[in-house]
Full PDB file with SEQRES, HELIX, SHEET, SSBOND, CRYST1, ORIGX, SCALE, CONECT and MASTER records, all heavy atoms in Angstrom:
SEQRES   1 A   37  ASP ARG GLN LEU SER PRO LEU GLU ALA TYR ARG ILE PHE          
SEQRES   2 A   37  GLU LEU LEU TYR GLN ARG ALA CYS GLU LEU ASP PRO GLU          
SEQRES   3 A   37  GLN MET GLU ILE LEU THR VAL ASP ALA PRO GLN                  
HELIX    1 AA1 PRO A    6  GLU A   22  1                                  17    
CRYST1    1.000    1.000    1.000  90.00  90.00  90.00 P 1           1          
ORIGX1      1.000000  0.000000  0.000000        0.00000                         
ORIGX2      0.000000  1.000000  0.000000        0.00000                         
ORIGX3      0.000000  0.000000  1.000000        0.00000                         
SCALE1      1.000000  0.000000  0.000000        0.00000                         
SCALE2      0.000000  1.000000  0.000000        0.00000                         
SCALE3      0.000000  0.000000  1.000000        0.00000                         
ATOM      1  N   ASP A   1      41.085 109.648  33.080  1.00  0.00           N  
ATOM      2  CA  ASP A   1      39.944 108.878  33.658  1.00  0.00           C  
ATOM      3  C   ASP A   1      40.342 108.040  34.854  1.00  0.00           C  
ATOM      4  O   ASP A   1      39.499 107.472  35.495  1.00  0.00           O  
ATOM      5  CB  ASP A   1      39.318 108.027  32.559  1.00  0.00           C  
ATOM      6  CG  ASP A   1      40.256 106.987  31.980  1.00  0.00           C  
ATOM      7  OD1 ASP A   1      41.510 107.219  32.016  1.00  0.00           O  
ATOM      8  OD2 ASP A   1      39.777 105.888  31.571  1.00  0.00           O  
ATOM      9  N   ARG A   2      41.653 107.924  35.118  1.00  0.00           N  
ATOM     10  CA  ARG A   2      42.136 107.134  36.248  1.00  0.00           C  
ATOM     11  C   ARG A   2      42.372 108.013  37.487  1.00  0.00           C  
ATOM     12  O   ARG A   2      42.832 107.503  38.475  1.00  0.00           O  
ATOM     13  CB  ARG A   2      43.460 106.401  35.895  1.00  0.00           C  
ATOM     14  CG  ARG A   2      43.403 105.590  34.612  1.00  0.00           C  
ATOM     15  CD  ARG A   2      42.238 104.620  34.634  1.00  0.00           C  
ATOM     16  NE  ARG A   2      42.284 103.644  35.689  1.00  0.00           N  
ATOM     17  CZ  ARG A   2      41.215 102.967  36.145  1.00  0.00           C  
ATOM     18  NH1 ARG A   2      40.017 103.194  35.655  1.00  0.00           N  
ATOM     19  NH2 ARG A   2      41.374 102.074  37.151  1.00  0.00           N  
ATOM     20  N   GLN A   3      42.046 109.309  37.375  1.00  0.00           N  
ATOM     21  CA  GLN A   3      42.167 110.184  38.540  1.00  0.00           C  
ATOM     22  C   GLN A   3      41.136 109.851  39.589  1.00  0.00           C  
ATOM     23  O   GLN A   3      40.045 109.441  39.248  1.00  0.00           O  
ATOM     24  CB  GLN A   3      41.982 111.626  38.070  1.00  0.00           C  
ATOM     25  CG  GLN A   3      42.174 112.667  39.214  1.00  0.00           C  
ATOM     26  CD  GLN A   3      42.385 114.041  38.650  1.00  0.00           C  
ATOM     27  OE1 GLN A   3      43.490 114.529  38.581  1.00  0.00           O  
ATOM     28  NE2 GLN A   3      41.300 114.678  38.270  1.00  0.00           N  
ATOM     29  N   LEU A   4      41.525 109.965  40.830  1.00  0.00           N  
ATOM     30  CA  LEU A   4      40.622 109.686  41.922  1.00  0.00           C  
ATOM     31  C   LEU A   4      39.461 110.722  41.926  1.00  0.00           C  
ATOM     32  O   LEU A   4      39.619 111.850  41.509  1.00  0.00           O  
ATOM     33  CB  LEU A   4      41.340 109.756  43.291  1.00  0.00           C  
ATOM     34  CG  LEU A   4      42.498 108.763  43.478  1.00  0.00           C  
ATOM     35  CD1 LEU A   4      43.183 108.991  44.845  1.00  0.00           C  
ATOM     36  CD2 LEU A   4      41.973 107.334  43.423  1.00  0.00           C  
ATOM     37  N   SER A   5      38.312 110.291  42.444  1.00  0.00           N  
ATOM     38  CA  SER A   5      37.219 111.214  42.681  1.00  0.00           C  
ATOM     39  C   SER A   5      37.576 112.057  43.916  1.00  0.00           C  
ATOM     40  O   SER A   5      38.424 111.715  44.753  1.00  0.00           O  
ATOM     41  CB  SER A   5      35.930 110.456  42.925  1.00  0.00           C  
ATOM     42  OG  SER A   5      35.974 109.791  44.264  1.00  0.00           O  
ATOM     43  N   PRO A   6      36.908 113.212  44.067  1.00  0.00           N  
ATOM     44  CA  PRO A   6      37.162 114.013  45.295  1.00  0.00           C  
ATOM     45  C   PRO A   6      36.990 113.265  46.592  1.00  0.00           C  
ATOM     46  O   PRO A   6      37.771 113.421  47.513  1.00  0.00           O  
ATOM     47  CB  PRO A   6      36.160 115.179  45.131  1.00  0.00           C  
ATOM     48  CG  PRO A   6      35.985 115.298  43.675  1.00  0.00           C  
ATOM     49  CD  PRO A   6      36.011 113.909  43.144  1.00  0.00           C  
ATOM     50  N   LEU A   7      35.954 112.390  46.645  1.00  0.00           N  
ATOM     51  CA  LEU A   7      35.670 111.643  47.878  1.00  0.00           C  
ATOM     52  C   LEU A   7      36.768 110.601  48.070  1.00  0.00           C  
ATOM     53  O   LEU A   7      37.232 110.404  49.212  1.00  0.00           O  
ATOM     54  CB  LEU A   7      34.316 110.960  47.803  1.00  0.00           C  
ATOM     55  CG  LEU A   7      33.939 110.187  49.056  1.00  0.00           C  
ATOM     56  CD1 LEU A   7      33.915 111.092  50.287  1.00  0.00           C  
ATOM     57  CD2 LEU A   7      32.516 109.568  48.870  1.00  0.00           C  
ATOM     58  N   GLU A   8      37.207 109.931  47.027  1.00  0.00           N  
ATOM     59  CA  GLU A   8      38.284 108.932  47.157  1.00  0.00           C  
ATOM     60  C   GLU A   8      39.549 109.603  47.686  1.00  0.00           C  
ATOM     61  O   GLU A   8      40.252 109.036  48.582  1.00  0.00           O  
ATOM     62  CB  GLU A   8      38.562 108.263  45.847  1.00  0.00           C  
ATOM     63  CG  GLU A   8      37.443 107.272  45.401  1.00  0.00           C  
ATOM     64  CD  GLU A   8      37.589 106.819  43.938  1.00  0.00           C  
ATOM     65  OE1 GLU A   8      38.143 107.589  43.123  1.00  0.00           O  
ATOM     66  OE2 GLU A   8      37.103 105.725  43.647  1.00  0.00           O  
ATOM     67  N   ALA A   9      39.889 110.743  47.126  1.00  0.00           N  
ATOM     68  CA  ALA A   9      41.074 111.492  47.588  1.00  0.00           C  
ATOM     69  C   ALA A   9      40.940 111.900  49.018  1.00  0.00           C  
ATOM     70  O   ALA A   9      41.908 111.816  49.787  1.00  0.00           O  
ATOM     71  CB  ALA A   9      41.294 112.675  46.678  1.00  0.00           C  
ATOM     72  N   TYR A  10      39.764 112.321  49.409  1.00  0.00           N  
ATOM     73  CA  TYR A  10      39.518 112.717  50.818  1.00  0.00           C  
ATOM     74  C   TYR A  10      39.703 111.527  51.747  1.00  0.00           C  
ATOM     75  O   TYR A  10      40.269 111.711  52.833  1.00  0.00           O  
ATOM     76  CB  TYR A  10      38.169 113.381  50.979  1.00  0.00           C  
ATOM     77  CG  TYR A  10      37.907 113.787  52.387  1.00  0.00           C  
ATOM     78  CD1 TYR A  10      38.590 114.870  52.949  1.00  0.00           C  
ATOM     79  CD2 TYR A  10      37.008 113.106  53.203  1.00  0.00           C  
ATOM     80  CE1 TYR A  10      38.330 115.270  54.243  1.00  0.00           C  
ATOM     81  CE2 TYR A  10      36.784 113.488  54.501  1.00  0.00           C  
ATOM     82  CZ  TYR A  10      37.411 114.572  55.024  1.00  0.00           C  
ATOM     83  OH  TYR A  10      37.241 114.951  56.338  1.00  0.00           O  
ATOM     84  N   ARG A  11      39.172 110.389  51.371  1.00  0.00           N  
ATOM     85  CA  ARG A  11      39.351 109.195  52.215  1.00  0.00           C  
ATOM     86  C   ARG A  11      40.849 108.842  52.404  1.00  0.00           C  
ATOM     87  O   ARG A  11      41.255 108.395  53.476  1.00  0.00           O  
ATOM     88  CB  ARG A  11      38.597 107.983  51.612  1.00  0.00           C  
ATOM     89  CG  ARG A  11      37.070 108.187  51.551  1.00  0.00           C  
ATOM     90  CD  ARG A  11      36.503 108.459  52.914  1.00  0.00           C  
ATOM     91  NE  ARG A  11      35.056 108.528  52.882  1.00  0.00           N  
ATOM     92  CZ  ARG A  11      34.330 109.266  53.721  1.00  0.00           C  
ATOM     93  NH1 ARG A  11      34.885 109.958  54.694  1.00  0.00           N  
ATOM     94  NH2 ARG A  11      33.000 109.292  53.622  1.00  0.00           N  
ATOM     95  N   ILE A  12      41.602 109.012  51.361  1.00  0.00           N  
ATOM     96  CA  ILE A  12      43.047 108.753  51.448  1.00  0.00           C  
ATOM     97  C   ILE A  12      43.655 109.779  52.398  1.00  0.00           C  
ATOM     98  O   ILE A  12      44.531 109.433  53.217  1.00  0.00           O  
ATOM     99  CB  ILE A  12      43.750 108.852  50.067  1.00  0.00           C  
ATOM    100  CG1 ILE A  12      43.268 107.671  49.185  1.00  0.00           C  
ATOM    101  CG2 ILE A  12      45.279 108.787  50.228  1.00  0.00           C  
ATOM    102  CD1 ILE A  12      43.628 106.318  49.695  1.00  0.00           C  
ATOM    103  N   PHE A  13      43.298 111.026  52.291  1.00  0.00           N  
ATOM    104  CA  PHE A  13      43.773 112.066  53.174  1.00  0.00           C  
ATOM    105  C   PHE A  13      43.490 111.663  54.650  1.00  0.00           C  
ATOM    106  O   PHE A  13      44.327 111.784  55.509  1.00  0.00           O  
ATOM    107  CB  PHE A  13      43.213 113.422  52.894  1.00  0.00           C  
ATOM    108  CG  PHE A  13      43.453 114.424  54.000  1.00  0.00           C  
ATOM    109  CD1 PHE A  13      44.686 115.054  54.095  1.00  0.00           C  
ATOM    110  CD2 PHE A  13      42.519 114.649  55.006  1.00  0.00           C  
ATOM    111  CE1 PHE A  13      44.973 115.928  55.154  1.00  0.00           C  
ATOM    112  CE2 PHE A  13      42.808 115.503  56.084  1.00  0.00           C  
ATOM    113  CZ  PHE A  13      44.007 116.115  56.116  1.00  0.00           C  
ATOM    114  N   GLU A  14      42.257 111.187  54.899  1.00  0.00           N  
ATOM    115  CA  GLU A  14      41.894 110.789  56.269  1.00  0.00           C  
ATOM    116  C   GLU A  14      42.803 109.699  56.794  1.00  0.00           C  
ATOM    117  O   GLU A  14      43.225 109.748  57.948  1.00  0.00           O  
ATOM    118  CB  GLU A  14      40.441 110.304  56.301  1.00  0.00           C  
ATOM    119  CG  GLU A  14      39.412 111.438  56.144  1.00  0.00           C  
ATOM    120  CD  GLU A  14      38.019 110.896  56.352  1.00  0.00           C  
ATOM    121  OE1 GLU A  14      37.666 109.865  55.756  1.00  0.00           O  
ATOM    122  OE2 GLU A  14      37.255 111.546  57.106  1.00  0.00           O  
ATOM    123  N   LEU A  15      43.159 108.755  55.901  1.00  0.00           N  
ATOM    124  CA  LEU A  15      44.063 107.705  56.291  1.00  0.00           C  
ATOM    125  C   LEU A  15      45.474 108.262  56.647  1.00  0.00           C  
ATOM    126  O   LEU A  15      46.071 107.904  57.635  1.00  0.00           O  
ATOM    127  CB  LEU A  15      44.166 106.669  55.204  1.00  0.00           C  
ATOM    128  CG  LEU A  15      45.231 105.565  55.395  1.00  0.00           C  
ATOM    129  CD1 LEU A  15      44.880 104.690  56.635  1.00  0.00           C  
ATOM    130  CD2 LEU A  15      45.321 104.702  54.155  1.00  0.00           C  
ATOM    131  N   LEU A  16      45.968 109.167  55.750  1.00  0.00           N  
ATOM    132  CA  LEU A  16      47.253 109.754  55.972  1.00  0.00           C  
ATOM    133  C   LEU A  16      47.295 110.557  57.263  1.00  0.00           C  
ATOM    134  O   LEU A  16      48.244 110.518  58.034  1.00  0.00           O  
ATOM    135  CB  LEU A  16      47.635 110.633  54.768  1.00  0.00           C  
ATOM    136  CG  LEU A  16      47.813 109.956  53.421  1.00  0.00           C  
ATOM    137  CD1 LEU A  16      48.006 110.979  52.330  1.00  0.00           C  
ATOM    138  CD2 LEU A  16      48.948 108.962  53.461  1.00  0.00           C  
ATOM    139  N   TYR A  17      46.210 111.272  57.519  1.00  0.00           N  
ATOM    140  CA  TYR A  17      46.102 112.051  58.757  1.00  0.00           C  
ATOM    141  C   TYR A  17      46.146 111.182  59.995  1.00  0.00           C  
ATOM    142  O   TYR A  17      46.894 111.454  60.946  1.00  0.00           O  
ATOM    143  CB  TYR A  17      44.799 112.884  58.746  1.00  0.00           C  
ATOM    144  CG  TYR A  17      44.492 113.601  60.015  1.00  0.00           C  
ATOM    145  CD1 TYR A  17      45.090 114.856  60.237  1.00  0.00           C  
ATOM    146  CD2 TYR A  17      43.646 113.063  60.962  1.00  0.00           C  
ATOM    147  CE1 TYR A  17      44.786 115.513  61.448  1.00  0.00           C  
ATOM    148  CE2 TYR A  17      43.351 113.744  62.154  1.00  0.00           C  
ATOM    149  CZ  TYR A  17      43.931 114.980  62.404  1.00  0.00           C  
ATOM    150  OH  TYR A  17      43.663 115.607  63.571  1.00  0.00           O  
ATOM    151  N   GLN A  18      45.408 110.097  59.924  1.00  0.00           N  
ATOM    152  CA  GLN A  18      45.383 109.157  61.040  1.00  0.00           C  
ATOM    153  C   GLN A  18      46.775 108.558  61.302  1.00  0.00           C  
ATOM    154  O   GLN A  18      47.225 108.469  62.420  1.00  0.00           O  
ATOM    155  CB  GLN A  18      44.345 108.028  60.784  1.00  0.00           C  
ATOM    156  CG  GLN A  18      44.136 107.126  61.972  1.00  0.00           C  
ATOM    157  CD  GLN A  18      43.610 107.866  63.202  1.00  0.00           C  
ATOM    158  OE1 GLN A  18      42.755 108.785  63.074  1.00  0.00           O  
ATOM    159  NE2 GLN A  18      44.081 107.520  64.380  1.00  0.00           N  
ATOM    160  N   ARG A  19      47.460 108.143  60.194  1.00  0.00           N  
ATOM    161  CA  ARG A  19      48.768 107.599  60.352  1.00  0.00           C  
ATOM    162  C   ARG A  19      49.780 108.630  60.915  1.00  0.00           C  
ATOM    163  O   ARG A  19      50.627 108.311  61.717  1.00  0.00           O  
ATOM    164  CB  ARG A  19      49.301 107.068  59.020  1.00  0.00           C  
ATOM    165  CG  ARG A  19      48.572 105.879  58.508  1.00  0.00           C  
ATOM    166  CD  ARG A  19      48.824 104.620  59.348  1.00  0.00           C  
ATOM    167  NE  ARG A  19      48.335 103.411  58.715  1.00  0.00           N  
ATOM    168  CZ  ARG A  19      47.089 103.010  58.827  1.00  0.00           C  
ATOM    169  NH1 ARG A  19      46.215 103.703  59.596  1.00  0.00           N  
ATOM    170  NH2 ARG A  19      46.646 101.939  58.238  1.00  0.00           N  
ATOM    171  N   ALA A  20      49.642 109.855  60.450  1.00  0.00           N  
ATOM    172  CA  ALA A  20      50.511 110.920  60.950  1.00  0.00           C  
ATOM    173  C   ALA A  20      50.306 111.147  62.441  1.00  0.00           C  
ATOM    174  O   ALA A  20      51.271 111.434  63.180  1.00  0.00           O  
ATOM    175  CB  ALA A  20      50.268 112.231  60.206  1.00  0.00           C  
ATOM    176  N   CYS A  21      49.072 111.025  62.895  1.00  0.00           N  
ATOM    177  CA  CYS A  21      48.783 111.189  64.341  1.00  0.00           C  
ATOM    178  C   CYS A  21      49.397 110.032  65.147  1.00  0.00           C  
ATOM    179  O   CYS A  21      49.876 110.217  66.264  1.00  0.00           O  
ATOM    180  CB  CYS A  21      47.312 111.239  64.577  1.00  0.00           C  
ATOM    181  SG  CYS A  21      46.461 112.710  63.958  1.00  0.00           S  
ATOM    182  N   GLU A  22      49.391 108.853  64.561  1.00  0.00           N  
ATOM    183  CA  GLU A  22      49.848 107.652  65.262  1.00  0.00           C  
ATOM    184  C   GLU A  22      51.354 107.447  65.257  1.00  0.00           C  
ATOM    185  O   GLU A  22      51.916 106.982  66.258  1.00  0.00           O  
ATOM    186  CB  GLU A  22      49.217 106.384  64.615  1.00  0.00           C  
ATOM    187  CG  GLU A  22      47.702 106.333  64.769  1.00  0.00           C  
ATOM    188  CD  GLU A  22      47.105 105.275  63.844  1.00  0.00           C  
ATOM    189  OE1 GLU A  22      47.823 104.674  63.042  1.00  0.00           O  
ATOM    190  OE2 GLU A  22      45.877 105.010  63.995  1.00  0.00           O  
ATOM    191  N   LEU A  23      52.019 107.801  64.164  1.00  0.00           N  
ATOM    192  CA  LEU A  23      53.428 107.537  64.021  1.00  0.00           C  
ATOM    193  C   LEU A  23      54.287 108.543  64.720  1.00  0.00           C  
ATOM    194  O   LEU A  23      53.962 109.720  64.885  1.00  0.00           O  
ATOM    195  CB  LEU A  23      53.793 107.522  62.517  1.00  0.00           C  
ATOM    196  CG  LEU A  23      53.210 106.361  61.686  1.00  0.00           C  
ATOM    197  CD1 LEU A  23      53.524 106.563  60.207  1.00  0.00           C  
ATOM    198  CD2 LEU A  23      53.718 105.023  62.160  1.00  0.00           C  
ATOM    199  N   ASP A  24      55.445 108.106  65.200  1.00  0.00           N  
ATOM    200  CA  ASP A  24      56.477 108.950  65.815  1.00  0.00           C  
ATOM    201  C   ASP A  24      56.973 109.938  64.743  1.00  0.00           C  
ATOM    202  O   ASP A  24      57.506 109.516  63.738  1.00  0.00           O  
ATOM    203  CB  ASP A  24      57.598 108.098  66.359  1.00  0.00           C  
ATOM    204  CG  ASP A  24      58.678 108.946  67.025  1.00  0.00           C  
ATOM    205  OD1 ASP A  24      58.652 110.192  66.963  1.00  0.00           O  
ATOM    206  OD2 ASP A  24      59.612 108.299  67.621  1.00  0.00           O  
ATOM    207  N   PRO A  25      56.743 111.242  64.907  1.00  0.00           N  
ATOM    208  CA  PRO A  25      57.182 112.157  63.900  1.00  0.00           C  
ATOM    209  C   PRO A  25      58.689 112.231  63.676  1.00  0.00           C  
ATOM    210  O   PRO A  25      59.164 112.694  62.608  1.00  0.00           O  
ATOM    211  CB  PRO A  25      56.703 113.529  64.421  1.00  0.00           C  
ATOM    212  CG  PRO A  25      56.605 113.358  65.911  1.00  0.00           C  
ATOM    213  CD  PRO A  25      56.150 111.918  66.084  1.00  0.00           C  
ATOM    214  N   GLU A  26      59.456 111.658  64.599  1.00  0.00           N  
ATOM    215  CA  GLU A  26      60.893 111.550  64.424  1.00  0.00           C  
ATOM    216  C   GLU A  26      61.273 110.392  63.499  1.00  0.00           C  
ATOM    217  O   GLU A  26      62.374 110.329  62.977  1.00  0.00           O  
ATOM    218  CB  GLU A  26      61.618 111.373  65.782  1.00  0.00           C  
ATOM    219  CG  GLU A  26      61.370 112.571  66.730  1.00  0.00           C  
ATOM    220  CD  GLU A  26      61.869 113.882  66.199  1.00  0.00           C  
ATOM    221  OE1 GLU A  26      62.887 113.901  65.443  1.00  0.00           O  
ATOM    222  OE2 GLU A  26      61.195 114.922  66.452  1.00  0.00           O  
ATOM    223  N   GLN A  27      60.341 109.504  63.325  1.00  0.00           N  
ATOM    224  CA  GLN A  27      60.579 108.302  62.457  1.00  0.00           C  
ATOM    225  C   GLN A  27      60.121 108.484  61.030  1.00  0.00           C  
ATOM    226  O   GLN A  27      60.755 108.010  60.097  1.00  0.00           O  
ATOM    227  CB  GLN A  27      59.938 107.081  63.068  1.00  0.00           C  
ATOM    228  CG  GLN A  27      60.388 106.713  64.460  1.00  0.00           C  
ATOM    229  CD  GLN A  27      61.917 106.454  64.554  1.00  0.00           C  
ATOM    230  OE1 GLN A  27      62.415 105.719  63.685  1.00  0.00           O  
ATOM    231  NE2 GLN A  27      62.588 107.041  65.498  1.00  0.00           N  
ATOM    232  N   MET A  28      59.001 109.143  60.802  1.00  0.00           N  
ATOM    233  CA  MET A  28      58.470 109.351  59.460  1.00  0.00           C  
ATOM    234  C   MET A  28      57.643 110.591  59.357  1.00  0.00           C  
ATOM    235  O   MET A  28      56.792 110.874  60.245  1.00  0.00           O  
ATOM    236  CB  MET A  28      57.627 108.128  59.014  1.00  0.00           C  
ATOM    237  CG  MET A  28      57.146 108.275  57.590  1.00  0.00           C  
ATOM    238  SD  MET A  28      55.907 107.011  57.116  1.00  0.00           S  
ATOM    239  CE  MET A  28      56.918 105.522  57.208  1.00  0.00           C  
ATOM    240  N   GLU A  29      57.904 111.370  58.309  1.00  0.00           N  
ATOM    241  CA  GLU A  29      57.084 112.517  57.943  1.00  0.00           C  
ATOM    242  C   GLU A  29      56.199 112.165  56.810  1.00  0.00           C  
ATOM    243  O   GLU A  29      56.634 111.650  55.806  1.00  0.00           O  
ATOM    244  CB  GLU A  29      57.965 113.712  57.593  1.00  0.00           C  
ATOM    245  CG  GLU A  29      57.164 114.940  57.206  1.00  0.00           C  
ATOM    246  CD  GLU A  29      58.021 116.056  56.643  1.00  0.00           C  
ATOM    247  OE1 GLU A  29      59.165 115.787  56.280  1.00  0.00           O  
ATOM    248  OE2 GLU A  29      57.539 117.185  56.597  1.00  0.00           O  
ATOM    249  N   ILE A  30      54.920 112.519  56.908  1.00  0.00           N  
ATOM    250  CA  ILE A  30      53.930 112.318  55.847  1.00  0.00           C  
ATOM    251  C   ILE A  30      53.505 113.644  55.314  1.00  0.00           C  
ATOM    252  O   ILE A  30      53.130 114.568  56.043  1.00  0.00           O  
ATOM    253  CB  ILE A  30      52.701 111.538  56.368  1.00  0.00           C  
ATOM    254  CG1 ILE A  30      53.114 110.150  56.861  1.00  0.00           C  
ATOM    255  CG2 ILE A  30      51.637 111.361  55.273  1.00  0.00           C  
ATOM    256  CD1 ILE A  30      52.018 109.332  57.535  1.00  0.00           C  
ATOM    257  N   LEU A  31      53.489 113.787  53.985  1.00  0.00           N  
ATOM    258  CA  LEU A  31      53.072 115.016  53.383  1.00  0.00           C  
ATOM    259  C   LEU A  31      52.403 114.718  52.030  1.00  0.00           C  
ATOM    260  O   LEU A  31      52.522 113.647  51.458  1.00  0.00           O  
ATOM    261  CB  LEU A  31      54.229 115.938  53.165  1.00  0.00           C  
ATOM    262  CG  LEU A  31      55.448 115.479  52.339  1.00  0.00           C  
ATOM    263  CD1 LEU A  31      56.160 116.659  51.723  1.00  0.00           C  
ATOM    264  CD2 LEU A  31      56.423 114.725  53.239  1.00  0.00           C  
ATOM    265  N   THR A  32      51.649 115.716  51.547  1.00  0.00           N  
ATOM    266  CA  THR A  32      50.959 115.573  50.221  1.00  0.00           C  
ATOM    267  C   THR A  32      51.383 116.760  49.378  1.00  0.00           C  
ATOM    268  O   THR A  32      51.728 117.862  49.857  1.00  0.00           O  
ATOM    269  CB  THR A  32      49.429 115.525  50.375  1.00  0.00           C  
ATOM    270  OG1 THR A  32      48.970 116.784  50.876  1.00  0.00           O  
ATOM    271  CG2 THR A  32      48.994 114.412  51.230  1.00  0.00           C  
ATOM    272  N   VAL A  33      51.280 116.518  48.057  1.00  0.00           N  
ATOM    273  CA  VAL A  33      51.642 117.550  47.057  1.00  0.00           C  
ATOM    274  C   VAL A  33      50.524 117.609  46.020  1.00  0.00           C  
ATOM    275  O   VAL A  33      49.892 116.630  45.717  1.00  0.00           O  
ATOM    276  CB  VAL A  33      52.983 117.180  46.348  1.00  0.00           C  
ATOM    277  CG1 VAL A  33      53.365 118.208  45.309  1.00  0.00           C  
ATOM    278  CG2 VAL A  33      54.107 117.040  47.393  1.00  0.00           C  
ATOM    279  N   ASP A  34      50.322 118.813  45.486  1.00  0.00           N  
ATOM    280  CA  ASP A  34      49.370 119.047  44.368  1.00  0.00           C  
ATOM    281  C   ASP A  34      47.889 119.060  44.813  1.00  0.00           C  
ATOM    282  O   ASP A  34      47.021 118.924  43.982  1.00  0.00           O  
ATOM    283  CB  ASP A  34      49.559 118.047  43.220  1.00  0.00           C  
ATOM    284  CG  ASP A  34      50.967 117.923  42.780  1.00  0.00           C  
ATOM    285  OD1 ASP A  34      51.639 118.968  42.736  1.00  0.00           O  
ATOM    286  OD2 ASP A  34      51.416 116.821  42.484  1.00  0.00           O  
ATOM    287  N   ALA A  35      47.671 119.247  46.110  1.00  0.00           N  
ATOM    288  CA  ALA A  35      46.258 119.401  46.583  1.00  0.00           C  
ATOM    289  C   ALA A  35      46.286 120.307  47.797  1.00  0.00           C  
ATOM    290  O   ALA A  35      46.199 119.842  48.916  1.00  0.00           O  
ATOM    291  CB  ALA A  35      45.652 118.064  46.921  1.00  0.00           C  
ATOM    292  N   PRO A  36      46.430 121.638  47.575  1.00  0.00           N  
ATOM    293  CA  PRO A  36      46.476 122.560  48.745  1.00  0.00           C  
ATOM    294  C   PRO A  36      45.255 122.469  49.642  1.00  0.00           C  
ATOM    295  O   PRO A  36      45.369 122.800  50.859  1.00  0.00           O  
ATOM    296  CB  PRO A  36      46.560 123.923  48.052  1.00  0.00           C  
ATOM    297  CG  PRO A  36      47.169 123.652  46.684  1.00  0.00           C  
ATOM    298  CD  PRO A  36      46.618 122.287  46.303  1.00  0.00           C  
ATOM    299  N   GLN A  37      44.131 121.983  49.112  1.00  0.00           N  
ATOM    300  CA  GLN A  37      42.951 121.785  49.951  1.00  0.00           C  
ATOM    301  C   GLN A  37      43.197 120.831  51.124  1.00  0.00           C  
ATOM    302  O   GLN A  37      42.415 120.840  52.079  1.00  0.00           O  
ATOM    303  CB  GLN A  37      41.754 121.388  49.106  1.00  0.00           C  
ATOM    304  CG  GLN A  37      41.921 120.137  48.337  1.00  0.00           C  
ATOM    305  CD  GLN A  37      42.399 120.398  46.905  1.00  0.00           C  
ATOM    306  OE1 GLN A  37      43.081 121.377  46.603  1.00  0.00           O  
ATOM    307  NE2 GLN A  37      41.956 119.590  45.954  1.00  0.00           N  
TER     308      GLN A  37                                                      
MASTER        0    0    0    1    0    0    0    6  307    1    0    3          
END                                                                             
């Protein structure tokens, strides 16, 4: 019951995507696991 809703998970993905766009890829790599979507 503590699992995120699909929309909550998608909002987190949007944040991770935005950070990945902003950050120097040589300094930090961002990735996700267990959600191929």
